[in-house]
Amino acid sequence: MENTKHSIKLDRENIFITGVSELVSFEEESIIAEIEDMILVICGKKLHVNKLNLDNGELSIDGEIVSLKYENYNSVKNKKSKASSIFSNLFK
């Protein structure tokens, strides 16, 4: 994965992020985006993706922003694979 700089412009109800390579998931209370070699978790209430342009790496979200958290890409990937294997074992 190419290592590019990203930026975040934030106020209580809007966030604009550059350098986004993938939108991993989005729900009303959390949005997860891949940025560089990290995962950015945006938590809040009534979150809504206004704009997503992966060609330009831009993501715009509105709603009540409560927190931002960077996570290691590999740790999130491992959590997802463990969860999916547990889920698949339940239905065998």
PDB file of N, CA and C in Angstrom:
ATOM      1  N   MET A   1       0.833  -1.170   0.000  1.00  0.00           N
ATOM      2  CA  MET A   1       0.000   0.000   0.000  1.00  0.00           C
ATOM      3  C   MET A   1       0.886   1.245   0.000  1.00  0.00           C
ATOM      4  N   GLU A   2       0.549   2.176  -0.842  1.00  0.00           N
ATOM      5  CA  GLU A   2       1.336   3.399  -0.944  1.00  0.00           C
ATOM      6  C   GLU A   2       1.145   4.263   0.297  1.00  0.00           C
ATOM      7  N   ASN A   3       2.226   4.843   0.764  1.00  0.00           N
ATOM      8  CA  ASN A   3       2.180   5.665   1.969  1.00  0.00           C
ATOM      9  C   ASN A   3       2.006   7.127   1.575  1.00  0.00           C
ATOM     10  N   THR A   4       0.788   7.668   1.693  1.00  0.00           N
ATOM     11  CA  THR A   4       0.508   9.049   1.356  1.00  0.00           C
ATOM     12  C   THR A   4       0.056   9.782   2.601  1.00  0.00           C
ATOM     13  N   LYS A   5       0.188  11.088   2.568  1.00  0.00           N
ATOM     14  CA  LYS A   5      -0.262  11.884   3.706  1.00  0.00           C
ATOM     15  C   LYS A   5      -1.774  12.034   3.648  1.00  0.00           C
ATOM     16  N   HIS A   6      -2.359  12.187   4.814  1.00  0.00           N
ATOM     17  CA  HIS A   6      -3.788  12.442   4.879  1.00  0.00           C
ATOM     18  C   HIS A   6      -4.026  13.664   5.760  1.00  0.00           C
ATOM     19  N   SER A   7      -5.218  14.210   5.655  1.00  0.00           N
ATOM     20  CA  SER A   7      -5.584  15.336   6.502  1.00  0.00           C
ATOM     21  C   SER A   7      -7.012  15.154   6.985  1.00  0.00           C
ATOM     22  N   ILE A   8      -7.285  15.786   8.112  1.00  0.00           N
ATOM     23  CA  ILE A   8      -8.622  15.732   8.705  1.00  0.00           C
ATOM     24  C   ILE A   8      -9.025  17.146   9.101  1.00  0.00           C
ATOM     25  N   LYS A   9     -10.172  17.567   8.609  1.00  0.00           N
ATOM     26  CA  LYS A   9     -10.773  18.833   9.033  1.00  0.00           C
ATOM     27  C   LYS A   9     -12.041  18.462   9.782  1.00  0.00           C
ATOM     28  N   LEU A  10     -12.133  18.918  11.024  1.00  0.00           N
ATOM     29  CA  LEU A  10     -13.182  18.427  11.914  1.00  0.00           C
ATOM     30  C   LEU A  10     -13.824  19.553  12.696  1.00  0.00           C
ATOM     31  N   ASP A  11     -15.134  19.505  12.802  1.00  0.00           N
ATOM     32  CA  ASP A  11     -15.848  20.255  13.818  1.00  0.00           C
ATOM     33  C   ASP A  11     -16.866  19.292  14.416  1.00  0.00           C
ATOM     34  N   ARG A  12     -17.676  19.723  15.289  1.00  0.00           N
ATOM     35  CA  ARG A  12     -18.571  18.824  16.038  1.00  0.00           C
ATOM     36  C   ARG A  12     -19.528  18.038  15.144  1.00  0.00           C
ATOM     37  N   GLU A  13     -19.913  18.587  13.996  1.00  0.00           N
ATOM     38  CA  GLU A  13     -20.923  17.926  13.169  1.00  0.00           C
ATOM     39  C   GLU A  13     -20.467  17.588  11.752  1.00  0.00           C
ATOM     40  N   ASN A  14     -19.226  17.870  11.418  1.00  0.00           N
ATOM     41  CA  ASN A  14     -18.712  17.577  10.077  1.00  0.00           C
ATOM     42  C   ASN A  14     -17.266  17.141  10.156  1.00  0.00           C
ATOM     43  N   ILE A  15     -16.902  16.235   9.257  1.00  0.00           N
ATOM     44  CA  ILE A  15     -15.505  15.833   9.139  1.00  0.00           C
ATOM     45  C   ILE A  15     -15.199  15.626   7.662  1.00  0.00           C
ATOM     46  N   PHE A  16     -14.049  16.137   7.235  1.00  0.00           N
ATOM     47  CA  PHE A  16     -13.593  15.971   5.866  1.00  0.00           C
ATOM     48  C   PHE A  16     -12.198  15.352   5.929  1.00  0.00           C
ATOM     49  N   ILE A  17     -12.019  14.223   5.265  1.00  0.00           N
ATOM     50  CA  ILE A  17     -10.775  13.468   5.342  1.00  0.00           C
ATOM     51  C   ILE A  17     -10.223  13.282   3.932  1.00  0.00           C
ATOM     52  N   THR A  18      -8.912  13.486   3.792  1.00  0.00           N
ATOM     53  CA  THR A  18      -8.236  13.167   2.532  1.00  0.00           C
ATOM     54  C   THR A  18      -7.265  12.018   2.787  1.00  0.00           C
ATOM     55  N   GLY A  19      -6.873  11.347   1.723  1.00  0.00           N
ATOM     56  CA  GLY A  19      -5.946  10.224   1.844  1.00  0.00           C
ATOM     57  C   GLY A  19      -6.648   8.900   2.119  1.00  0.00           C
ATOM     58  N   VAL A  20      -7.953   8.841   1.907  1.00  0.00           N
ATOM     59  CA  VAL A  20      -8.737   7.621   2.152  1.00  0.00           C
ATOM     60  C   VAL A  20      -8.562   6.675   0.968  1.00  0.00           C
ATOM     61  N   SER A  21      -8.197   5.433   1.245  1.00  0.00           N
ATOM     62  CA  SER A  21      -8.037   4.457   0.169  1.00  0.00           C
ATOM     63  C   SER A  21      -9.209   3.479   0.091  1.00  0.00           C
ATOM     64  N   GLU A  22      -9.963   3.338   1.191  1.00  0.00           N
ATOM     65  CA  GLU A  22     -11.110   2.422   1.189  1.00  0.00           C
ATOM     66  C   GLU A  22     -12.059   2.780   2.325  1.00  0.00           C
ATOM     67  N   LEU A  23     -13.353   2.652   2.056  1.00  0.00           N
ATOM     68  CA  LEU A  23     -14.360   2.770   3.104  1.00  0.00           C
ATOM     69  C   LEU A  23     -14.700   1.343   3.514  1.00  0.00           C
ATOM     70  N   VAL A  24     -14.281   0.963   4.706  1.00  0.00           N
ATOM     71  CA  VAL A  24     -14.410  -0.421   5.165  1.00  0.00           C
ATOM     72  C   VAL A  24     -15.840  -0.722   5.573  1.00  0.00           C
ATOM     73  N   SER A  25     -16.445   0.161   6.380  1.00  0.00           N
ATOM     74  CA  SER A  25     -17.836  -0.021   6.779  1.00  0.00           C
ATOM     75  C   SER A  25     -18.425   1.310   7.214  1.00  0.00           C
ATOM     76  N   PHE A  26     -19.754   1.379   7.158  1.00  0.00           N
ATOM     77  CA  PHE A  26     -20.409   2.595   7.625  1.00  0.00           C
ATOM     78  C   PHE A  26     -21.773   2.246   8.206  1.00  0.00           C
ATOM     79  N   GLU A  27     -22.024   2.794   9.365  1.00  0.00           N
ATOM     80  CA  GLU A  27     -23.292   2.665  10.076  1.00  0.00           C
ATOM     81  C   GLU A  27     -23.586   4.016  10.707  1.00  0.00           C
ATOM     82  N   GLU A  28     -24.743   4.171  11.300  1.00  0.00           N
ATOM     83  CA  GLU A  28     -25.107   5.453  11.902  1.00  0.00           C
ATOM     84  C   GLU A  28     -24.232   5.821  13.092  1.00  0.00           C
ATOM     85  N   GLU A  29     -23.616   4.831  13.743  1.00  0.00           N
ATOM     86  CA  GLU A  29     -22.819   5.124  14.935  1.00  0.00           C
ATOM     87  C   GLU A  29     -21.319   4.937  14.740  1.00  0.00           C
ATOM     88  N   SER A  30     -20.893   4.388  13.609  1.00  0.00           N
ATOM     89  CA  SER A  30     -19.455   4.270  13.348  1.00  0.00           C
ATOM     90  C   SER A  30     -19.183   4.119  11.859  1.00  0.00           C
ATOM     91  N   ILE A  31     -18.104   4.743  11.449  1.00  0.00           N
ATOM     92  CA  ILE A  31     -17.636   4.644  10.076  1.00  0.00           C
ATOM     93  C   ILE A  31     -16.159   4.279  10.144  1.00  0.00           C
ATOM     94  N   ILE A  32     -15.771   3.289   9.356  1.00  0.00           N
ATOM     95  CA  ILE A  32     -14.391   2.817   9.365  1.00  0.00           C
ATOM     96  C   ILE A  32     -13.801   3.018   7.977  1.00  0.00           C
ATOM     97  N   ALA A  33     -12.666   3.727   7.953  1.00  0.00           N
ATOM     98  CA  ALA A  33     -11.996   4.020   6.687  1.00  0.00           C
ATOM     99  C   ALA A  33     -10.539   3.590   6.770  1.00  0.00           C
ATOM    100  N   GLU A  34     -10.013   3.144   5.637  1.00  0.00           N
ATOM    101  CA  GLU A  34      -8.596   2.799   5.555  1.00  0.00           C
ATOM    102  C   GLU A  34      -7.842   4.023   5.051  1.00  0.00           C
ATOM    103  N   ILE A  35      -6.817   4.408   5.816  1.00  0.00           N
ATOM    104  CA  ILE A  35      -5.990   5.560   5.479  1.00  0.00           C
ATOM    105  C   ILE A  35      -4.542   5.137   5.636  1.00  0.00           C
ATOM    106  N   GLU A  36      -3.781   5.246   4.549  1.00  0.00           N
ATOM    107  CA  GLU A  36      -2.386   4.826   4.553  1.00  0.00           C
ATOM    108  C   GLU A  36      -2.321   3.382   5.030  1.00  0.00           C
ATOM    109  N   ASP A  37      -1.528   3.091   6.045  1.00  0.00           N
ATOM    110  CA  ASP A  37      -1.445   1.725   6.556  1.00  0.00           C
ATOM    111  C   ASP A  37      -2.170   1.600   7.890  1.00  0.00           C
ATOM    112  N   MET A  38      -3.140   2.499   8.119  1.00  0.00           N
ATOM    113  CA  MET A  38      -3.903   2.505   9.363  1.00  0.00           C
ATOM    114  C   MET A  38      -5.399   2.469   9.054  1.00  0.00           C
ATOM    115  N   ILE A  39      -6.159   2.192  10.082  1.00  0.00           N
ATOM    116  CA  ILE A  39      -7.613   2.238  10.020  1.00  0.00           C
ATOM    117  C   ILE A  39      -8.060   3.392  10.900  1.00  0.00           C
ATOM    118  N   LEU A  40      -8.978   4.213  10.377  1.00  0.00           N
ATOM    119  CA  LEU A  40      -9.546   5.316  11.146  1.00  0.00           C
ATOM    120  C   LEU A  40     -10.980   4.964  11.476  1.00  0.00           C
ATOM    121  N   VAL A  41     -11.302   4.947  12.773  1.00  0.00           N
ATOM    122  CA  VAL A  41     -12.655   4.654  13.230  1.00  0.00           C
ATOM    123  C   VAL A  41     -13.267   5.964  13.715  1.00  0.00           C
ATOM    124  N   ILE A  42     -14.376   6.359  13.095  1.00  0.00           N
ATOM    125  CA  ILE A  42     -15.090   7.575  13.461  1.00  0.00           C
ATOM    126  C   ILE A  42     -16.366   7.149  14.165  1.00  0.00           C
ATOM    127  N   CYS A  43     -16.529   7.553  15.409  1.00  0.00           N
ATOM    128  CA  CYS A  43     -17.716   7.193  16.179  1.00  0.00           C
ATOM    129  C   CYS A  43     -18.567   8.433  16.417  1.00  0.00           C
ATOM    130  N   GLY A  44     -19.872   8.214  16.471  1.00  0.00           N
ATOM    131  CA  GLY A  44     -20.774   9.327  16.695  1.00  0.00           C
ATOM    132  C   GLY A  44     -22.226   8.890  16.653  1.00  0.00           C
ATOM    133  N   LYS A  45     -23.081   9.844  16.355  1.00  0.00           N
ATOM    134  CA  LYS A  45     -24.518   9.583  16.272  1.00  0.00           C
ATOM    135  C   LYS A  45     -25.043  10.150  14.963  1.00  0.00           C
ATOM    136  N   LYS A  46     -25.934   9.402  14.336  1.00  0.00           N
ATOM    137  CA  LYS A  46     -26.559   9.815  13.070  1.00  0.00           C
ATOM    138  C   LYS A  46     -25.515  10.211  12.025  1.00  0.00           C
ATOM    139  N   LEU A  47     -24.458   9.394  11.915  1.00  0.00           N
ATOM    140  CA  LEU A  47     -23.408   9.660  10.939  1.00  0.00           C
ATOM    141  C   LEU A  47     -23.906   9.357   9.534  1.00  0.00           C
ATOM    142  N   HIS A  48     -23.507  10.194   8.601  1.00  0.00           N
ATOM    143  CA  HIS A  48     -23.948  10.055   7.214  1.00  0.00           C
ATOM    144  C   HIS A  48     -22.786  10.399   6.289  1.00  0.00           C
ATOM    145  N   VAL A  49     -22.515   9.523   5.329  1.00  0.00           N
ATOM    146  CA  VAL A  49     -21.465   9.792   4.340  1.00  0.00           C
ATOM    147  C   VAL A  49     -22.046  10.724   3.288  1.00  0.00           C
ATOM    148  N   ASN A  50     -21.518  11.951   3.230  1.00  0.00           N
ATOM    149  CA  ASN A  50     -21.959  12.928   2.227  1.00  0.00           C
ATOM    150  C   ASN A  50     -21.262  12.727   0.902  1.00  0.00           C
ATOM    151  N   LYS A  51     -19.952  12.479   0.974  1.00  0.00           N
ATOM    152  CA  LYS A  51     -19.158  12.369  -0.237  1.00  0.00           C
ATOM    153  C   LYS A  51     -18.083  11.314  -0.042  1.00  0.00           C
ATOM    154  N   LEU A  52     -17.939  10.464  -1.040  1.00  0.00           N
ATOM    155  CA  LEU A  52     -16.852   9.486  -1.063  1.00  0.00           C
ATOM    156  C   LEU A  52     -16.298   9.469  -2.473  1.00  0.00           C
ATOM    157  N   ASN A  53     -15.045   9.870  -2.609  1.00  0.00           N
ATOM    158  CA  ASN A  53     -14.374   9.851  -3.890  1.00  0.00           C
ATOM    159  C   ASN A  53     -13.019   9.183  -3.687  1.00  0.00           C
ATOM    160  N   LEU A  54     -12.969   7.881  -3.947  1.00  0.00           N
ATOM    161  CA  LEU A  54     -11.729   7.135  -3.719  1.00  0.00           C
ATOM    162  C   LEU A  54     -10.654   7.477  -4.744  1.00  0.00           C
ATOM    163  N   ASP A  55     -11.048   7.962  -5.924  1.00  0.00           N
ATOM    164  CA  ASP A  55     -10.052   8.390  -6.908  1.00  0.00           C
ATOM    165  C   ASP A  55      -9.223   9.543  -6.356  1.00  0.00           C
ATOM    166  N   ASN A  56      -9.879  10.451  -5.633  1.00  0.00           N
ATOM    167  CA  ASN A  56      -9.186  11.593  -5.009  1.00  0.00           C
ATOM    168  C   ASN A  56      -8.873  11.347  -3.543  1.00  0.00           C
ATOM    169  N   GLY A  57      -9.369  10.233  -2.982  1.00  0.00           N
ATOM    170  CA  GLY A  57      -9.121   9.905  -1.583  1.00  0.00           C
ATOM    171  C   GLY A  57      -9.882  10.780  -0.607  1.00  0.00           C
ATOM    172  N   GLU A  58     -11.066  11.264  -1.006  1.00  0.00           N
ATOM    173  CA  GLU A  58     -11.826  12.190  -0.164  1.00  0.00           C
ATOM    174  C   GLU A  58     -13.064  11.529   0.441  1.00  0.00           C
ATOM    175  N   LEU A  59     -13.285  11.839   1.709  1.00  0.00           N
ATOM    176  CA  LEU A  59     -14.451  11.346   2.439  1.00  0.00           C
ATOM    177  C   LEU A  59     -15.008  12.495   3.269  1.00  0.00           C
ATOM    178  N   SER A  60     -16.302  12.746   3.122  1.00  0.00           N
ATOM    179  CA  SER A  60     -16.972  13.786   3.888  1.00  0.00           C
ATOM    180  C   SER A  60     -18.138  13.155   4.642  1.00  0.00           C
ATOM    181  N   ILE A  61     -18.205  13.438   5.939  1.00  0.00           N
ATOM    182  CA  ILE A  61     -19.220  12.834   6.817  1.00  0.00           C
ATOM    183  C   ILE A  61     -19.859  13.937   7.642  1.00  0.00           C
ATOM    184  N   ASP A  62     -21.173  13.829   7.867  1.00  0.00           N
ATOM    185  CA  ASP A  62     -21.799  14.718   8.834  1.00  0.00           C
ATOM    186  C   ASP A  62     -22.568  13.891   9.853  1.00  0.00           C
ATOM    187  N   GLY A  63     -22.915  14.521  10.939  1.00  0.00           N
ATOM    188  CA  GLY A  63     -23.546  13.874  12.078  1.00  0.00           C
ATOM    189  C   GLY A  63     -22.844  14.359  13.330  1.00  0.00           C
ATOM    190  N   GLU A  64     -23.188  13.802  14.463  1.00  0.00           N
ATOM    191  CA  GLU A  64     -22.534  14.199  15.714  1.00  0.00           C
ATOM    192  C   GLU A  64     -21.267  13.372  15.903  1.00  0.00           C
ATOM    193  N   ILE A  65     -20.115  13.994  15.702  1.00  0.00           N
ATOM    194  CA  ILE A  65     -18.831  13.317  15.831  1.00  0.00           C
ATOM    195  C   ILE A  65     -18.464  13.242  17.312  1.00  0.00           C
ATOM    196  N   VAL A  66     -18.233  12.033  17.821  1.00  0.00           N
ATOM    197  CA  VAL A  66     -17.895  11.836  19.236  1.00  0.00           C
ATOM    198  C   VAL A  66     -16.413  11.525  19.406  1.00  0.00           C
ATOM    199  N   SER A  67     -15.862  10.672  18.533  1.00  0.00           N
ATOM    200  CA  SER A  67     -14.449  10.317  18.677  1.00  0.00           C
ATOM    201  C   SER A  67     -13.850   9.847  17.366  1.00  0.00           C
ATOM    202  N   LEU A  68     -12.527   9.972  17.289  1.00  0.00           N
ATOM    203  CA  LEU A  68     -11.730   9.433  16.193  1.00  0.00           C
ATOM    204  C   LEU A  68     -10.679   8.538  16.814  1.00  0.00           C
ATOM    205  N   LYS A  69     -10.437   7.414  16.187  1.00  0.00           N
ATOM    206  CA  LYS A  69      -9.445   6.488  16.729  1.00  0.00           C
ATOM    207  C   LYS A  69      -8.691   5.835  15.585  1.00  0.00           C
ATOM    208  N   TYR A  70      -7.368   5.883  15.667  1.00  0.00           N
ATOM    209  CA  TYR A  70      -6.530   5.165  14.716  1.00  0.00           C
ATOM    210  C   TYR A  70      -6.256   3.777  15.267  1.00  0.00           C
ATOM    211  N   GLU A  71      -6.346   2.788  14.392  1.00  0.00           N
ATOM    212  CA  GLU A  71      -6.006   1.419  14.768  1.00  0.00           C
ATOM    213  C   GLU A  71      -5.031   0.862  13.754  1.00  0.00           C
ATOM    214  N   ASN A  72      -4.222  -0.075  14.203  1.00  0.00           N
ATOM    215  CA  ASN A  72      -3.285  -0.755  13.337  1.00  0.00           C
ATOM    216  C   ASN A  72      -4.062  -1.593  12.331  1.00  0.00           C
ATOM    217  N   TYR A  73      -3.710  -1.497  11.071  1.00  0.00           N
ATOM    218  CA  TYR A  73      -4.404  -2.217  10.000  1.00  0.00           C
ATOM    219  C   TYR A  73      -4.407  -3.725  10.242  1.00  0.00           C
ATOM    220  N   ASN A  74      -3.277  -4.280  10.643  1.00  0.00           N
ATOM    221  CA  ASN A  74      -3.178  -5.727  10.847  1.00  0.00           C
ATOM    222  C   ASN A  74      -4.026  -6.202  12.019  1.00  0.00           C
ATOM    223  N   SER A  75      -4.140  -5.416  13.093  1.00  0.00           N
ATOM    224  CA  SER A  75      -4.946  -5.843  14.232  1.00  0.00           C
ATOM    225  C   SER A  75      -6.421  -5.868  13.866  1.00  0.00           C
ATOM    226  N   VAL A  76      -6.873  -4.917  13.063  1.00  0.00           N
ATOM    227  CA  VAL A  76      -8.269  -4.902  12.628  1.00  0.00           C
ATOM    228  C   VAL A  76      -8.535  -6.066  11.695  1.00  0.00           C
ATOM    229  N   LYS A  77      -7.597  -6.324  10.797  1.00  0.00           N
ATOM    230  CA  LYS A  77      -7.738  -7.442   9.860  1.00  0.00           C
ATOM    231  C   LYS A  77      -7.820  -8.762  10.624  1.00  0.00           C
ATOM    232  N   ASN A  78      -6.989  -8.942  11.660  1.00  0.00           N
ATOM    233  CA  ASN A  78      -7.023 -10.159  12.463  1.00  0.00           C
ATOM    234  C   ASN A  78      -8.336 -10.297  13.217  1.00  0.00           C
ATOM    235  N   LYS A  79      -8.860  -9.194  13.765  1.00  0.00           N
ATOM    236  CA  LYS A  79     -10.152  -9.230  14.471  1.00  0.00           C
ATOM    237  C   LYS A  79     -11.259  -9.650  13.524  1.00  0.00           C
ATOM    238  N   LYS A  80     -11.249  -9.112  12.280  1.00  0.00           N
ATOM    239  CA  LYS A  80     -12.275  -9.449  11.298  1.00  0.00           C
ATOM    240  C   LYS A  80     -12.207 -10.916  10.922  1.00  0.00           C
ATOM    241  N   SER A  81     -10.994 -11.453  10.711  1.00  0.00           N
ATOM    242  CA  SER A  81     -10.872 -12.856  10.311  1.00  0.00           C
ATOM    243  C   SER A  81     -11.276 -13.785  11.449  1.00  0.00           C
ATOM    244  N   LYS A  82     -10.955 -13.424  12.698  1.00  0.00           N
ATOM    245  CA  LYS A  82     -11.371 -14.236  13.839  1.00  0.00           C
ATOM    246  C   LYS A  82     -12.888 -14.226  13.982  1.00  0.00           C
ATOM    247  N   ALA A  83     -13.491 -13.061  13.819  1.00  0.00           N
ATOM    248  CA  ALA A  83     -14.945 -12.954  13.931  1.00  0.00           C
ATOM    249  C   ALA A  83     -15.634 -13.755  12.832  1.00  0.00           C
ATOM    250  N   SER A  84     -15.111 -13.691  11.603  1.00  0.00           N
ATOM    251  CA  SER A  84     -15.749 -14.426  10.513  1.00  0.00           C
ATOM    252  C   SER A  84     -15.572 -15.925  10.690  1.00  0.00           C
ATOM    253  N   SER A  85     -14.432 -16.379  11.239  1.00  0.00           N
ATOM    254  CA  SER A  85     -14.254 -17.815  11.446  1.00  0.00           C
ATOM    255  C   SER A  85     -15.156 -18.314  12.570  1.00  0.00           C
ATOM    256  N   ILE A  86     -15.344 -17.526  13.610  1.00  0.00           N
ATOM    257  CA  ILE A  86     -16.273 -17.899  14.682  1.00  0.00           C
ATOM    258  C   ILE A  86     -17.682 -17.981  14.138  1.00  0.00           C
ATOM    259  N   PHE A  87     -18.051 -16.977  13.330  1.00  0.00           N
ATOM    260  CA  PHE A  87     -19.391 -16.938  12.744  1.00  0.00           C
ATOM    261  C   PHE A  87     -19.623 -18.144  11.813  1.00  0.00           C
ATOM    262  N   SER A  88     -18.629 -18.474  10.998  1.00  0.00           N
ATOM    263  CA  SER A  88     -18.790 -19.610  10.074  1.00  0.00           C
ATOM    264  C   SER A  88     -18.848 -20.923  10.834  1.00  0.00           C
ATOM    265  N   ASN A  89     -18.131 -21.045  11.958  1.00  0.00           N
ATOM    266  CA  ASN A  89     -18.187 -22.273  12.753  1.00  0.00           C
ATOM    267  C   ASN A  89     -19.547 -22.468  13.409  1.00  0.00           C
ATOM    268  N   LEU A  90     -20.235 -21.396  13.709  1.00  0.00           N
ATOM    269  CA  LEU A  90     -21.571 -21.505  14.311  1.00  0.00           C
ATOM    270  C   LEU A  90     -22.572 -22.145  13.369  1.00  0.00           C
ATOM    271  N   PHE A  91     -22.391 -21.946  12.058  1.00  0.00           N
ATOM    272  CA  PHE A  91     -23.376 -22.417  11.102  1.00  0.00           C
ATOM    273  C   PHE A  91     -22.904 -23.621  10.304  1.00  0.00           C
ATOM    274  N   LYS A  92     -21.939 -24.365  10.800  1.00  0.00           N
ATOM    275  CA  LYS A  92     -21.503 -25.608  10.143  1.00  0.00           C
ATOM    276  C   LYS A  92     -22.366 -26.755  10.537  1.00  0.00           C
TER     277      LYS A  92
END
